[in-house]
Amino acid sequence: MFDRSVAAPGVASLCLCLTSLMLVVGAASAQGSYPQRPVRLIIPFAPGGGTDAVGRVLAQHLGERHGQTFVVDNRPAGSGIVGAQIVAQAPADGYTLLFTFNAFASSARLVEKLPYDPVRDFTPITLATTSPLLLMAHPSLPASNMKELIAYVKANPGKLNYGSSGPGSPPHLGMELLMSLTGLSMSHIPYKGIGPATAAQLGNEVQLAFTPVLVGLPHLKGGRLKAIASGAAKRSAAVPDIPTVAESAALPGFDVSGWWGLLGPAKLSRPIVDLLNGSVRKILEDAEVRRNLLAQGMDPSPTTPEAFGKLIANDMTVWGDLGRKLGIKLD
């Protein structure tokens, strides 16, 4: 009989080495064999929007790279909450993923009884794209840059209206942040989506709005609206000629942008996270993919999982604090 109490040190070392080797091989095997069946990509918004457009590009290319179908499953209910909850409750096996945008984090602390925690209940995989919100104005507004706009609004406090896609939305919080930093006073008119808000601006019901590039660019090119500034922290490759609020209003650090990213359920294994992160990075480096995304106002912006996680946590804090200060509560 083998006496474990007198096992030679060499045998113990060999056992330890074999155990370590098995763990490494097991991790590599998990990464190499995934995916073995179709992957469901939850997009918690309706087809046709920016989230859906980018998500479908990634789903198509991920499927081509891995030889399995990445099935897009649109769940447009509850302002993105219903779809996110499906992923939060899914097995952490990589076969149910979430592709969403920044309201996932920015509005999280404003929602009463949110059924998940955006940090605790998800595994960040990668940021995919970013896009600035453009500060758009009706052509009749006698201001064409930030300096002129600030002077005009201060001379006419409370006389201008600004639109948004609803209370607590990025366009709403972005404008409130701008007003708090510059001392401006305008009236907020919320709409049920960015489409109706843009239609109201075209009709001069509201004079200003932070608008996604994808929505605002056609009206900018057609002369129906004009761009005062980009809300991004730095100039966007999609609209490089439009100066930022930060540079033109001397507000360093000002950043009102949209972002889109890929997440999995909590405790998703690191080999699968790294595999998907690397695949998305390769997809976004493709010249044709980059060209198409830039044409839609999207800047390819892949990150490490850790950097994406920090972005989510930061947005929850910054925009959550501002929303609570304004007394915003979302159902």
C-alpha atoms as a PDB file:
ATOM      1  CA  MET A   1       0.000   0.000   0.000  1.00  0.00           C
ATOM      2  CA  PHE A   2       1.241   3.481  -0.812  1.00  0.00           C
ATOM      3  CA  ASP A   3       1.871   5.519   2.358  1.00  0.00           C
ATOM      4  CA  ARG A   4       1.039   9.207   1.641  1.00  0.00           C
ATOM      5  CA  SER A   5       2.760  10.262   4.847  1.00  0.00           C
ATOM      6  CA  VAL A   6       6.139   9.236   3.495  1.00  0.00           C
ATOM      7  CA  ALA A   7       5.682  10.284  -0.133  1.00  0.00           C
ATOM      8  CA  ALA A   8       8.917  11.558  -1.610  1.00  0.00           C
ATOM      9  CA  PRO A   9       9.137  15.326  -2.193  1.00  0.00           C
ATOM     10  CA  GLY A  10       9.700  14.602  -5.890  1.00  0.00           C
ATOM     11  CA  VAL A  11       6.394  12.727  -6.145  1.00  0.00           C
ATOM     12  CA  ALA A  12       4.522  15.610  -4.470  1.00  0.00           C
ATOM     13  CA  SER A  13       6.126  18.104  -6.841  1.00  0.00           C
ATOM     14  CA  LEU A  14       5.212  15.926  -9.818  1.00  0.00           C
ATOM     15  CA  CYS A  15       1.593  15.733  -8.689  1.00  0.00           C
ATOM     16  CA  LEU A  16       1.464  19.519  -8.291  1.00  0.00           C
ATOM     17  CA  CYS A  17       2.925  20.052 -11.760  1.00  0.00           C
ATOM     18  CA  LEU A  18       0.456  17.609 -13.327  1.00  0.00           C
ATOM     19  CA  THR A  19      -2.452  19.320 -11.588  1.00  0.00           C
ATOM     20  CA  SER A  20      -1.325  22.749 -12.855  1.00  0.00           C
ATOM     21  CA  LEU A  21      -0.870  21.362 -16.364  1.00  0.00           C
ATOM     22  CA  MET A  22      -4.391  19.904 -16.348  1.00  0.00           C
ATOM     23  CA  LEU A  23      -5.843  23.263 -15.331  1.00  0.00           C
ATOM     24  CA  VAL A  24      -4.008  25.060 -18.136  1.00  0.00           C
ATOM     25  CA  VAL A  25      -5.006  22.448 -20.716  1.00  0.00           C
ATOM     26  CA  GLY A  26      -8.612  22.553 -19.491  1.00  0.00           C
ATOM     27  CA  ALA A  27      -8.771  26.336 -19.862  1.00  0.00           C
ATOM     28  CA  ALA A  28      -7.220  26.194 -23.312  1.00  0.00           C
ATOM     29  CA  SER A  29      -9.633  23.439 -24.326  1.00  0.00           C
ATOM     30  CA  ALA A  30     -12.636  25.481 -23.154  1.00  0.00           C
ATOM     31  CA  GLN A  31     -11.463  28.446 -25.165  1.00  0.00           C
ATOM     32  CA  GLY A  32     -10.648  26.366 -28.240  1.00  0.00           C
ATOM     33  CA  SER A  33     -13.986  24.490 -28.331  1.00  0.00           C
ATOM     34  CA  TYR A  34     -16.286  27.463 -27.771  1.00  0.00           C
ATOM     35  CA  PRO A  35     -18.764  27.929 -29.337  1.00  0.00           C
ATOM     36  CA  GLN A  36     -20.123  24.462 -30.112  1.00  0.00           C
ATOM     37  CA  ARG A  37     -23.701  25.580 -30.798  1.00  0.00           C
ATOM     38  CA  PRO A  38     -25.532  28.803 -31.781  1.00  0.00           C
ATOM     39  CA  VAL A  39     -25.040  31.805 -29.487  1.00  0.00           C
ATOM     40  CA  ARG A  40     -27.956  34.079 -28.639  1.00  0.00           C
ATOM     41  CA  LEU A  41     -27.105  37.788 -28.768  1.00  0.00           C
ATOM     42  CA  ILE A  42     -29.742  39.756 -26.873  1.00  0.00           C
ATOM     43  CA  ILE A  43     -30.249  43.287 -28.187  1.00  0.00           C
ATOM     44  CA  PRO A  44     -32.694  44.934 -25.767  1.00  0.00           C
ATOM     45  CA  PHE A  45     -34.083  47.403 -28.309  1.00  0.00           C
ATOM     46  CA  ALA A  46     -36.108  47.303 -31.516  1.00  0.00           C
ATOM     47  CA  PRO A  47     -34.588  46.510 -34.920  1.00  0.00           C
ATOM     48  CA  GLY A  48     -33.361  49.480 -36.941  1.00  0.00           C
ATOM     49  CA  GLY A  49     -31.735  51.568 -34.200  1.00  0.00           C
ATOM     50  CA  GLY A  50     -28.047  52.190 -33.576  1.00  0.00           C
ATOM     51  CA  THR A  51     -27.697  49.355 -31.062  1.00  0.00           C
ATOM     52  CA  ASP A  52     -29.314  46.899 -33.458  1.00  0.00           C
ATOM     53  CA  ALA A  53     -27.223  48.078 -36.423  1.00  0.00           C
ATOM     54  CA  VAL A  54     -23.866  47.605 -34.679  1.00  0.00           C
ATOM     55  CA  GLY A  55     -24.962  44.439 -32.901  1.00  0.00           C
ATOM     56  CA  ARG A  56     -25.928  42.767 -36.182  1.00  0.00           C
ATOM     57  CA  VAL A  57     -22.575  43.622 -37.737  1.00  0.00           C
ATOM     58  CA  LEU A  58     -20.775  41.961 -34.830  1.00  0.00           C
ATOM     59  CA  ALA A  59     -23.142  38.967 -34.832  1.00  0.00           C
ATOM     60  CA  GLN A  60     -22.538  38.331 -38.527  1.00  0.00           C
ATOM     61  CA  HIS A  61     -18.763  38.552 -38.270  1.00  0.00           C
ATOM     62  CA  LEU A  62     -18.553  36.593 -35.014  1.00  0.00           C
ATOM     63  CA  GLY A  63     -20.518  33.824 -36.688  1.00  0.00           C
ATOM     64  CA  GLU A  64     -18.177  33.813 -39.664  1.00  0.00           C
ATOM     65  CA  ARG A  65     -15.080  33.749 -37.449  1.00  0.00           C
ATOM     66  CA  HIS A  66     -16.272  30.924 -35.194  1.00  0.00           C
ATOM     67  CA  GLY A  67     -18.338  28.774 -37.529  1.00  0.00           C
ATOM     68  CA  GLN A  68     -21.494  29.073 -35.442  1.00  0.00           C
ATOM     69  CA  THR A  69     -24.542  31.280 -35.794  1.00  0.00           C
ATOM     70  CA  PHE A  70     -24.791  34.275 -33.451  1.00  0.00           C
ATOM     71  CA  VAL A  71     -28.562  34.734 -33.401  1.00  0.00           C
ATOM     72  CA  VAL A  72     -29.783  38.300 -32.817  1.00  0.00           C
ATOM     73  CA  ASP A  73     -32.722  38.335 -30.400  1.00  0.00           C
ATOM     74  CA  ASN A  74     -34.357  41.777 -30.149  1.00  0.00           C
ATOM     75  CA  ARG A  75     -36.192  42.371 -26.855  1.00  0.00           C
ATOM     76  CA  PRO A  76     -37.520  45.960 -27.115  1.00  0.00           C
ATOM     77  CA  ALA A  77     -39.297  46.330 -23.789  1.00  0.00           C
ATOM     78  CA  GLY A  78     -38.795  48.178 -20.536  1.00  0.00           C
ATOM     79  CA  SER A  79     -36.196  50.620 -21.892  1.00  0.00           C
ATOM     80  CA  GLY A  80     -33.689  47.801 -22.295  1.00  0.00           C
ATOM     81  CA  ILE A  81     -34.299  46.282 -18.859  1.00  0.00           C
ATOM     82  CA  VAL A  82     -36.167  43.176 -20.036  1.00  0.00           C
ATOM     83  CA  GLY A  83     -33.398  42.060 -22.388  1.00  0.00           C
ATOM     84  CA  ALA A  84     -30.652  42.767 -19.878  1.00  0.00           C
ATOM     85  CA  GLN A  85     -32.482  40.764 -17.220  1.00  0.00           C
ATOM     86  CA  ILE A  86     -32.599  37.730 -19.531  1.00  0.00           C
ATOM     87  CA  VAL A  87     -28.802  37.796 -19.768  1.00  0.00           C
ATOM     88  CA  ALA A  88     -28.316  38.440 -16.051  1.00  0.00           C
ATOM     89  CA  GLN A  89     -30.301  35.267 -15.301  1.00  0.00           C
ATOM     90  CA  ALA A  90     -28.730  33.120 -18.046  1.00  0.00           C
ATOM     91  CA  PRO A  91     -26.116  30.393 -17.416  1.00  0.00           C
ATOM     92  CA  ALA A  92     -22.554  31.722 -17.519  1.00  0.00           C
ATOM     93  CA  ASP A  93     -21.592  29.502 -20.445  1.00  0.00           C
ATOM     94  CA  GLY A  94     -21.185  32.122 -23.197  1.00  0.00           C
ATOM     95  CA  TYR A  95     -24.299  31.115 -25.124  1.00  0.00           C
ATOM     96  CA  THR A  96     -26.387  34.102 -24.049  1.00  0.00           C
ATOM     97  CA  LEU A  97     -24.768  37.524 -24.467  1.00  0.00           C
ATOM     98  CA  LEU A  98     -25.922  41.136 -24.238  1.00  0.00           C
ATOM     99  CA  PHE A  99     -25.184  43.929 -26.678  1.00  0.00           C
ATOM    100  CA  THR A 100     -26.388  47.253 -25.310  1.00  0.00           C
ATOM    101  CA  PHE A 101     -25.646  50.968 -25.053  1.00  0.00           C
ATOM    102  CA  ASN A 102     -24.731  53.404 -22.312  1.00  0.00           C
ATOM    103  CA  ALA A 103     -28.208  53.933 -20.839  1.00  0.00           C
ATOM    104  CA  PHE A 104     -27.614  50.439 -19.373  1.00  0.00           C
ATOM    105  CA  ALA A 105     -25.276  52.174 -16.897  1.00  0.00           C
ATOM    106  CA  SER A 106     -26.209  55.870 -16.943  1.00  0.00           C
ATOM    107  CA  SER A 107     -29.872  55.307 -15.993  1.00  0.00           C
ATOM    108  CA  ALA A 108     -29.349  52.329 -13.691  1.00  0.00           C
ATOM    109  CA  ARG A 109     -29.439  54.209 -10.385  1.00  0.00           C
ATOM    110  CA  LEU A 110     -32.477  56.212 -11.427  1.00  0.00           C
ATOM    111  CA  VAL A 111     -34.690  53.146 -11.915  1.00  0.00           C
ATOM    112  CA  GLU A 112     -36.886  52.090  -9.022  1.00  0.00           C
ATOM    113  CA  LYS A 113     -36.433  48.359  -8.298  1.00  0.00           C
ATOM    114  CA  LEU A 114     -33.984  47.540 -11.078  1.00  0.00           C
ATOM    115  CA  PRO A 115     -33.991  43.695 -11.219  1.00  0.00           C
ATOM    116  CA  TYR A 116     -30.210  43.411 -11.629  1.00  0.00           C
ATOM    117  CA  ASP A 117     -26.975  45.200 -10.830  1.00  0.00           C
ATOM    118  CA  PRO A 118     -25.064  46.314 -13.980  1.00  0.00           C
ATOM    119  CA  VAL A 119     -21.728  45.597 -12.255  1.00  0.00           C
ATOM    120  CA  ARG A 120     -22.386  42.578 -10.031  1.00  0.00           C
ATOM    121  CA  ASP A 121     -24.634  40.607 -12.405  1.00  0.00           C
ATOM    122  CA  PHE A 122     -22.672  40.924 -15.655  1.00  0.00           C
ATOM    123  CA  THR A 123     -19.213  40.211 -17.067  1.00  0.00           C
ATOM    124  CA  PRO A 124     -17.844  43.015 -19.273  1.00  0.00           C
ATOM    125  CA  ILE A 125     -16.338  41.662 -22.497  1.00  0.00           C
ATOM    126  CA  THR A 126     -15.488  44.748 -24.527  1.00  0.00           C
ATOM    127  CA  LEU A 127     -16.571  48.194 -25.516  1.00  0.00           C
ATOM    128  CA  ALA A 128     -17.295  48.092 -29.266  1.00  0.00           C
ATOM    129  CA  THR A 129     -18.102  51.572 -30.549  1.00  0.00           C
ATOM    130  CA  THR A 130     -18.591  55.112 -29.312  1.00  0.00           C
ATOM    131  CA  SER A 131     -20.413  58.013 -30.874  1.00  0.00           C
ATOM    132  CA  PRO A 132     -20.750  61.605 -29.717  1.00  0.00           C
ATOM    133  CA  LEU A 133     -24.063  63.258 -29.101  1.00  0.00           C
ATOM    134  CA  LEU A 134     -24.123  66.344 -31.295  1.00  0.00           C
ATOM    135  CA  LEU A 135     -25.475  69.561 -29.830  1.00  0.00           C
ATOM    136  CA  MET A 136     -27.880  70.411 -32.656  1.00  0.00           C
ATOM    137  CA  ALA A 137     -29.808  73.655 -33.123  1.00  0.00           C
ATOM    138  CA  HIS A 138     -32.669  74.803 -35.307  1.00  0.00           C
ATOM    139  CA  PRO A 139     -31.310  77.021 -38.135  1.00  0.00           C
ATOM    140  CA  SER A 140     -33.299  79.994 -36.861  1.00  0.00           C
ATOM    141  CA  LEU A 141     -31.315  80.116 -33.611  1.00  0.00           C
ATOM    142  CA  PRO A 142     -28.857  83.053 -33.888  1.00  0.00           C
ATOM    143  CA  ALA A 143     -25.833  81.091 -32.661  1.00  0.00           C
ATOM    144  CA  SER A 144     -23.415  78.888 -34.570  1.00  0.00           C
ATOM    145  CA  ASN A 145     -20.827  77.960 -31.919  1.00  0.00           C
ATOM    146  CA  MET A 146     -20.603  77.490 -28.165  1.00  0.00           C
ATOM    147  CA  LYS A 147     -19.461  81.030 -27.428  1.00  0.00           C
ATOM    148  CA  GLU A 148     -22.412  82.535 -29.315  1.00  0.00           C
ATOM    149  CA  LEU A 149     -24.837  80.015 -27.844  1.00  0.00           C
ATOM    150  CA  ILE A 150     -23.818  80.668 -24.238  1.00  0.00           C
ATOM    151  CA  ALA A 151     -24.068  84.440 -24.769  1.00  0.00           C
ATOM    152  CA  TYR A 152     -27.491  84.152 -26.412  1.00  0.00           C
ATOM    153  CA  VAL A 153     -29.011  81.820 -23.805  1.00  0.00           C
ATOM    154  CA  LYS A 154     -27.697  83.956 -20.956  1.00  0.00           C
ATOM    155  CA  ALA A 155     -29.282  87.007 -22.564  1.00  0.00           C
ATOM    156  CA  ASN A 156     -32.573  85.094 -22.910  1.00  0.00           C
ATOM    157  CA  PRO A 157     -32.842  82.933 -19.777  1.00  0.00           C
ATOM    158  CA  GLY A 158     -35.671  80.402 -19.814  1.00  0.00           C
ATOM    159  CA  LYS A 159     -36.885  81.393 -23.283  1.00  0.00           C
ATOM    160  CA  LEU A 160     -35.427  78.443 -25.181  1.00  0.00           C
ATOM    161  CA  ASN A 161     -36.631  74.849 -25.110  1.00  0.00           C
ATOM    162  CA  TYR A 162     -34.486  71.765 -25.450  1.00  0.00           C
ATOM    163  CA  GLY A 163     -35.721  68.306 -26.352  1.00  0.00           C
ATOM    164  CA  SER A 164     -34.718  64.817 -25.237  1.00  0.00           C
ATOM    165  CA  SER A 165     -35.723  61.196 -25.705  1.00  0.00           C
ATOM    166  CA  GLY A 166     -37.180  61.135 -22.197  1.00  0.00           C
ATOM    167  CA  PRO A 167     -36.367  61.908 -18.546  1.00  0.00           C
ATOM    168  CA  GLY A 168     -33.058  60.382 -17.476  1.00  0.00           C
ATOM    169  CA  SER A 169     -31.959  59.680 -21.047  1.00  0.00           C
ATOM    170  CA  PRO A 170     -28.409  60.629 -22.153  1.00  0.00           C
ATOM    171  CA  PRO A 171     -29.684  63.641 -24.181  1.00  0.00           C
ATOM    172  CA  HIS A 172     -31.552  64.884 -21.085  1.00  0.00           C
ATOM    173  CA  LEU A 173     -28.730  64.351 -18.601  1.00  0.00           C
ATOM    174  CA  GLY A 174     -26.166  65.732 -21.060  1.00  0.00           C
ATOM    175  CA  MET A 175     -28.020  69.023 -21.426  1.00  0.00           C
ATOM    176  CA  GLU A 176     -28.560  69.302 -17.691  1.00  0.00           C
ATOM    177  CA  LEU A 177     -24.831  68.805 -17.174  1.00  0.00           C
ATOM    178  CA  LEU A 178     -24.060  71.530 -19.720  1.00  0.00           C
ATOM    179  CA  MET A 179     -26.475  73.950 -18.063  1.00  0.00           C
ATOM    180  CA  SER A 180     -25.076  73.255 -14.606  1.00  0.00           C
ATOM    181  CA  LEU A 181     -21.508  73.945 -15.791  1.00  0.00           C
ATOM    182  CA  THR A 182     -22.323  77.113 -17.737  1.00  0.00           C
ATOM    183  CA  GLY A 183     -25.129  78.653 -15.698  1.00  0.00           C
ATOM    184  CA  LEU A 184     -27.609  78.434 -18.581  1.00  0.00           C
ATOM    185  CA  SER A 185     -31.365  78.180 -18.114  1.00  0.00           C
ATOM    186  CA  MET A 186     -33.640  76.399 -20.622  1.00  0.00           C
ATOM    187  CA  SER A 187     -36.882  74.433 -20.448  1.00  0.00           C
ATOM    188  CA  HIS A 188     -36.854  70.669 -20.929  1.00  0.00           C
ATOM    189  CA  ILE A 189     -39.459  69.031 -23.175  1.00  0.00           C
ATOM    190  CA  PRO A 190     -39.209  65.217 -23.094  1.00  0.00           C
ATOM    191  CA  TYR A 191     -40.411  63.006 -25.958  1.00  0.00           C
ATOM    192  CA  LYS A 192     -40.937  59.264 -26.332  1.00  0.00           C
ATOM    193  CA  GLY A 193     -37.746  58.588 -28.224  1.00  0.00           C
ATOM    194  CA  ILE A 194     -35.101  60.450 -30.185  1.00  0.00           C
ATOM    195  CA  GLY A 195     -37.176  60.254 -33.391  1.00  0.00           C
ATOM    196  CA  PRO A 196     -40.072  62.336 -32.032  1.00  0.00           C
ATOM    197  CA  ALA A 197     -37.612  64.693 -30.323  1.00  0.00           C
ATOM    198  CA  THR A 198     -35.822  65.314 -33.622  1.00  0.00           C
ATOM    199  CA  ALA A 199     -39.124  65.847 -35.438  1.00  0.00           C
ATOM    200  CA  ALA A 200     -40.049  68.449 -32.816  1.00  0.00           C
ATOM    201  CA  GLN A 201     -36.725  70.197 -33.350  1.00  0.00           C
ATOM    202  CA  LEU A 202     -37.227  70.246 -37.117  1.00  0.00           C
ATOM    203  CA  GLY A 203     -40.556  71.975 -36.443  1.00  0.00           C
ATOM    204  CA  ASN A 204     -38.865  74.450 -34.052  1.00  0.00           C
ATOM    205  CA  GLU A 205     -40.893  73.252 -31.068  1.00  0.00           C
ATOM    206  CA  VAL A 206     -37.520  72.883 -29.374  1.00  0.00           C
ATOM    207  CA  GLN A 207     -34.463  74.842 -30.415  1.00  0.00           C
ATOM    208  CA  LEU A 208     -31.703  72.629 -29.034  1.00  0.00           C
ATOM    209  CA  ALA A 209     -31.027  68.954 -28.388  1.00  0.00           C
ATOM    210  CA  PHE A 210     -28.186  66.525 -27.905  1.00  0.00           C
ATOM    211  CA  THR A 211     -28.721  64.116 -30.806  1.00  0.00           C
ATOM    212  CA  PRO A 212     -26.905  60.912 -31.825  1.00  0.00           C
ATOM    213  CA  VAL A 213     -24.726  61.389 -34.906  1.00  0.00           C
ATOM    214  CA  LEU A 214     -26.570  58.644 -36.775  1.00  0.00           C
ATOM    215  CA  VAL A 215     -29.852  60.559 -36.369  1.00  0.00           C
ATOM    216  CA  GLY A 216     -28.563  64.110 -36.708  1.00  0.00           C
ATOM    217  CA  LEU A 217     -26.127  63.770 -39.611  1.00  0.00           C
ATOM    218  CA  PRO A 218     -28.717  63.569 -42.434  1.00  0.00           C
ATOM    219  CA  HIS A 219     -30.439  66.735 -41.160  1.00  0.00           C
ATOM    220  CA  LEU A 220     -27.086  68.459 -40.769  1.00  0.00           C
ATOM    221  CA  LYS A 221     -26.120  67.638 -44.360  1.00  0.00           C
ATOM    222  CA  GLY A 222     -29.540  68.749 -45.594  1.00  0.00           C
ATOM    223  CA  GLY A 223     -29.326  72.098 -43.791  1.00  0.00           C
ATOM    224  CA  ARG A 224     -32.428  71.374 -41.722  1.00  0.00           C
ATOM    225  CA  LEU A 225     -30.435  71.534 -38.470  1.00  0.00           C
ATOM    226  CA  LYS A 226     -26.996  72.873 -37.571  1.00  0.00           C
ATOM    227  CA  ALA A 227     -24.320  71.487 -35.277  1.00  0.00           C
ATOM    228  CA  ILE A 228     -23.114  73.750 -32.480  1.00  0.00           C
ATOM    229  CA  ALA A 229     -20.609  71.249 -31.068  1.00  0.00           C
ATOM    230  CA  SER A 230     -19.849  67.594 -30.416  1.00  0.00           C
ATOM    231  CA  GLY A 231     -20.436  66.334 -26.899  1.00  0.00           C
ATOM    232  CA  ALA A 232     -17.539  63.853 -26.996  1.00  0.00           C
ATOM    233  CA  ALA A 233     -14.370  64.335 -24.967  1.00  0.00           C
ATOM    234  CA  LYS A 234     -12.350  64.471 -28.186  1.00  0.00           C
ATOM    235  CA  ARG A 235     -13.216  65.036 -31.831  1.00  0.00           C
ATOM    236  CA  SER A 236     -14.873  62.082 -33.487  1.00  0.00           C
ATOM    237  CA  ALA A 237     -13.370  60.453 -36.585  1.00  0.00           C
ATOM    238  CA  ALA A 238     -16.932  60.294 -37.899  1.00  0.00           C
ATOM    239  CA  VAL A 239     -17.374  64.101 -37.750  1.00  0.00           C
ATOM    240  CA  PRO A 240     -13.822  65.469 -37.409  1.00  0.00           C
ATOM    241  CA  ASP A 241     -14.707  69.023 -38.417  1.00  0.00           C
ATOM    242  CA  ILE A 242     -17.156  69.575 -35.568  1.00  0.00           C
ATOM    243  CA  PRO A 243     -15.397  70.987 -32.464  1.00  0.00           C
ATOM    244  CA  THR A 244     -16.179  69.574 -29.045  1.00  0.00           C
ATOM    245  CA  VAL A 245     -18.000  71.319 -26.234  1.00  0.00           C
ATOM    246  CA  ALA A 246     -14.898  70.754 -24.113  1.00  0.00           C
ATOM    247  CA  GLU A 247     -12.595  72.681 -26.454  1.00  0.00           C
ATOM    248  CA  SER A 248     -14.977  75.411 -27.617  1.00  0.00           C
ATOM    249  CA  ALA A 249     -16.535  76.214 -24.234  1.00  0.00           C
ATOM    250  CA  ALA A 250     -13.404  75.663 -22.126  1.00  0.00           C
ATOM    251  CA  LEU A 251     -14.997  72.766 -20.253  1.00  0.00           C
ATOM    252  CA  PRO A 252     -12.212  70.168 -19.981  1.00  0.00           C
ATOM    253  CA  GLY A 253     -13.469  66.668 -19.345  1.00  0.00           C
ATOM    254  CA  PHE A 254     -16.980  67.333 -20.654  1.00  0.00           C
ATOM    255  CA  ASP A 255     -18.151  64.132 -22.330  1.00  0.00           C
ATOM    256  CA  VAL A 256     -21.648  63.365 -23.539  1.00  0.00           C
ATOM    257  CA  SER A 257     -21.252  60.342 -25.771  1.00  0.00           C
ATOM    258  CA  GLY A 258     -23.017  57.157 -26.596  1.00  0.00           C
ATOM    259  CA  TRP A 259     -21.246  53.829 -26.250  1.00  0.00           C
ATOM    260  CA  TRP A 260     -22.129  50.287 -27.270  1.00  0.00           C
ATOM    261  CA  GLY A 261     -20.641  47.171 -25.768  1.00  0.00           C
ATOM    262  CA  LEU A 262     -20.761  43.408 -25.264  1.00  0.00           C
ATOM    263  CA  LEU A 263     -21.393  41.704 -21.918  1.00  0.00           C
ATOM    264  CA  GLY A 264     -22.121  38.242 -20.601  1.00  0.00           C
ATOM    265  CA  PRO A 265     -23.676  36.944 -17.388  1.00  0.00           C
ATOM    266  CA  ALA A 266     -21.698  37.187 -14.147  1.00  0.00           C
ATOM    267  CA  LYS A 267     -18.844  34.683 -13.717  1.00  0.00           C
ATOM    268  CA  LEU A 268     -18.379  34.099 -17.451  1.00  0.00           C
ATOM    269  CA  SER A 269     -15.063  32.228 -17.754  1.00  0.00           C
ATOM    270  CA  ARG A 270     -11.981  34.266 -18.603  1.00  0.00           C
ATOM    271  CA  PRO A 271     -11.006  32.092 -21.604  1.00  0.00           C
ATOM    272  CA  ILE A 272     -14.384  32.804 -23.253  1.00  0.00           C
ATOM    273  CA  VAL A 273     -14.161  36.506 -22.361  1.00  0.00           C
ATOM    274  CA  ASP A 274     -10.693  36.747 -23.886  1.00  0.00           C
ATOM    275  CA  LEU A 275     -11.755  34.826 -26.997  1.00  0.00           C
ATOM    276  CA  LEU A 276     -14.736  37.112 -27.648  1.00  0.00           C
ATOM    277  CA  ASN A 277     -12.752  40.243 -26.796  1.00  0.00           C
ATOM    278  CA  GLY A 278     -10.057  39.305 -29.292  1.00  0.00           C
ATOM    279  CA  SER A 279     -12.605  38.453 -31.986  1.00  0.00           C
ATOM    280  CA  VAL A 280     -14.458  41.752 -31.629  1.00  0.00           C
ATOM    281  CA  ARG A 281     -11.156  43.618 -31.727  1.00  0.00           C
ATOM    282  CA  LYS A 282     -10.195  41.876 -34.994  1.00  0.00           C
ATOM    283  CA  ILE A 283     -13.621  42.593 -36.488  1.00  0.00           C
ATOM    284  CA  LEU A 284     -13.372  46.295 -35.653  1.00  0.00           C
ATOM    285  CA  GLU A 285      -9.883  46.466 -37.165  1.00  0.00           C
ATOM    286  CA  ASP A 286     -11.244  45.315 -40.541  1.00  0.00           C
ATOM    287  CA  ALA A 287     -11.034  48.223 -43.010  1.00  0.00           C
ATOM    288  CA  GLU A 288     -14.491  47.686 -44.511  1.00  0.00           C
ATOM    289  CA  VAL A 289     -16.166  47.324 -41.113  1.00  0.00           C
ATOM    290  CA  ARG A 290     -14.473  50.512 -39.886  1.00  0.00           C
ATOM    291  CA  ARG A 291     -15.524  52.392 -43.011  1.00  0.00           C
ATOM    292  CA  ASN A 292     -19.150  51.328 -42.649  1.00  0.00           C
ATOM    293  CA  LEU A 293     -19.291  52.158 -38.939  1.00  0.00           C
ATOM    294  CA  LEU A 294     -17.706  55.595 -39.412  1.00  0.00           C
ATOM    295  CA  ALA A 295     -20.271  56.323 -42.144  1.00  0.00           C
ATOM    296  CA  GLN A 296     -22.953  55.726 -39.486  1.00  0.00           C
ATOM    297  CA  GLY A 297     -21.237  58.046 -37.013  1.00  0.00           C
ATOM    298  CA  MET A 298     -19.717  55.223 -34.962  1.00  0.00           C
ATOM    299  CA  ASP A 299     -16.084  55.217 -33.829  1.00  0.00           C
ATOM    300  CA  PRO A 300     -14.699  51.664 -33.394  1.00  0.00           C
ATOM    301  CA  SER A 301     -13.358  51.665 -29.814  1.00  0.00           C
ATOM    302  CA  PRO A 302     -12.506  48.186 -28.472  1.00  0.00           C
ATOM    303  CA  THR A 303     -11.114  47.985 -24.941  1.00  0.00           C
ATOM    304  CA  THR A 304      -9.995  45.455 -22.378  1.00  0.00           C
ATOM    305  CA  PRO A 305     -12.751  43.899 -20.252  1.00  0.00           C
ATOM    306  CA  GLU A 306     -11.356  45.775 -17.237  1.00  0.00           C
ATOM    307  CA  ALA A 307     -11.525  49.167 -18.963  1.00  0.00           C
ATOM    308  CA  PHE A 308     -15.090  48.491 -20.071  1.00  0.00           C
ATOM    309  CA  GLY A 309     -16.041  47.538 -16.514  1.00  0.00           C
ATOM    310  CA  LYS A 310     -14.591  50.797 -15.193  1.00  0.00           C
ATOM    311  CA  LEU A 311     -16.564  52.764 -17.788  1.00  0.00           C
ATOM    312  CA  ILE A 312     -19.819  51.124 -16.688  1.00  0.00           C
ATOM    313  CA  ALA A 313     -19.128  51.807 -13.000  1.00  0.00           C
ATOM    314  CA  ASN A 314     -18.104  55.406 -13.690  1.00  0.00           C
ATOM    315  CA  ASP A 315     -21.228  56.128 -15.757  1.00  0.00           C
ATOM    316  CA  MET A 316     -23.428  54.690 -13.030  1.00  0.00           C
ATOM    317  CA  THR A 317     -21.852  57.066 -10.498  1.00  0.00           C
ATOM    318  CA  VAL A 318     -21.573  60.267 -12.557  1.00  0.00           C
ATOM    319  CA  TRP A 319     -24.961  60.175 -14.263  1.00  0.00           C
ATOM    320  CA  GLY A 320     -26.702  58.548 -11.315  1.00  0.00           C
ATOM    321  CA  ASP A 321     -25.555  61.349  -9.000  1.00  0.00           C
ATOM    322  CA  LEU A 322     -26.700  63.999 -11.486  1.00  0.00           C
ATOM    323  CA  GLY A 323     -30.065  62.311 -12.008  1.00  0.00           C
ATOM    324  CA  ARG A 324     -30.730  62.011  -8.290  1.00  0.00           C
ATOM    325  CA  LYS A 325     -29.732  65.651  -7.828  1.00  0.00           C
ATOM    326  CA  LEU A 326     -32.395  66.546 -10.402  1.00  0.00           C
ATOM    327  CA  GLY A 327     -34.924  64.329  -8.646  1.00  0.00           C
ATOM    328  CA  ILE A 328     -35.320  61.968 -11.617  1.00  0.00           C
ATOM    329  CA  LYS A 329     -36.953  58.614 -10.875  1.00  0.00           C
ATOM    330  CA  LEU A 330     -37.678  56.089 -13.602  1.00  0.00           C
ATOM    331  CA  ASP A 331     -40.249  53.309 -13.478  1.00  0.00           C
END
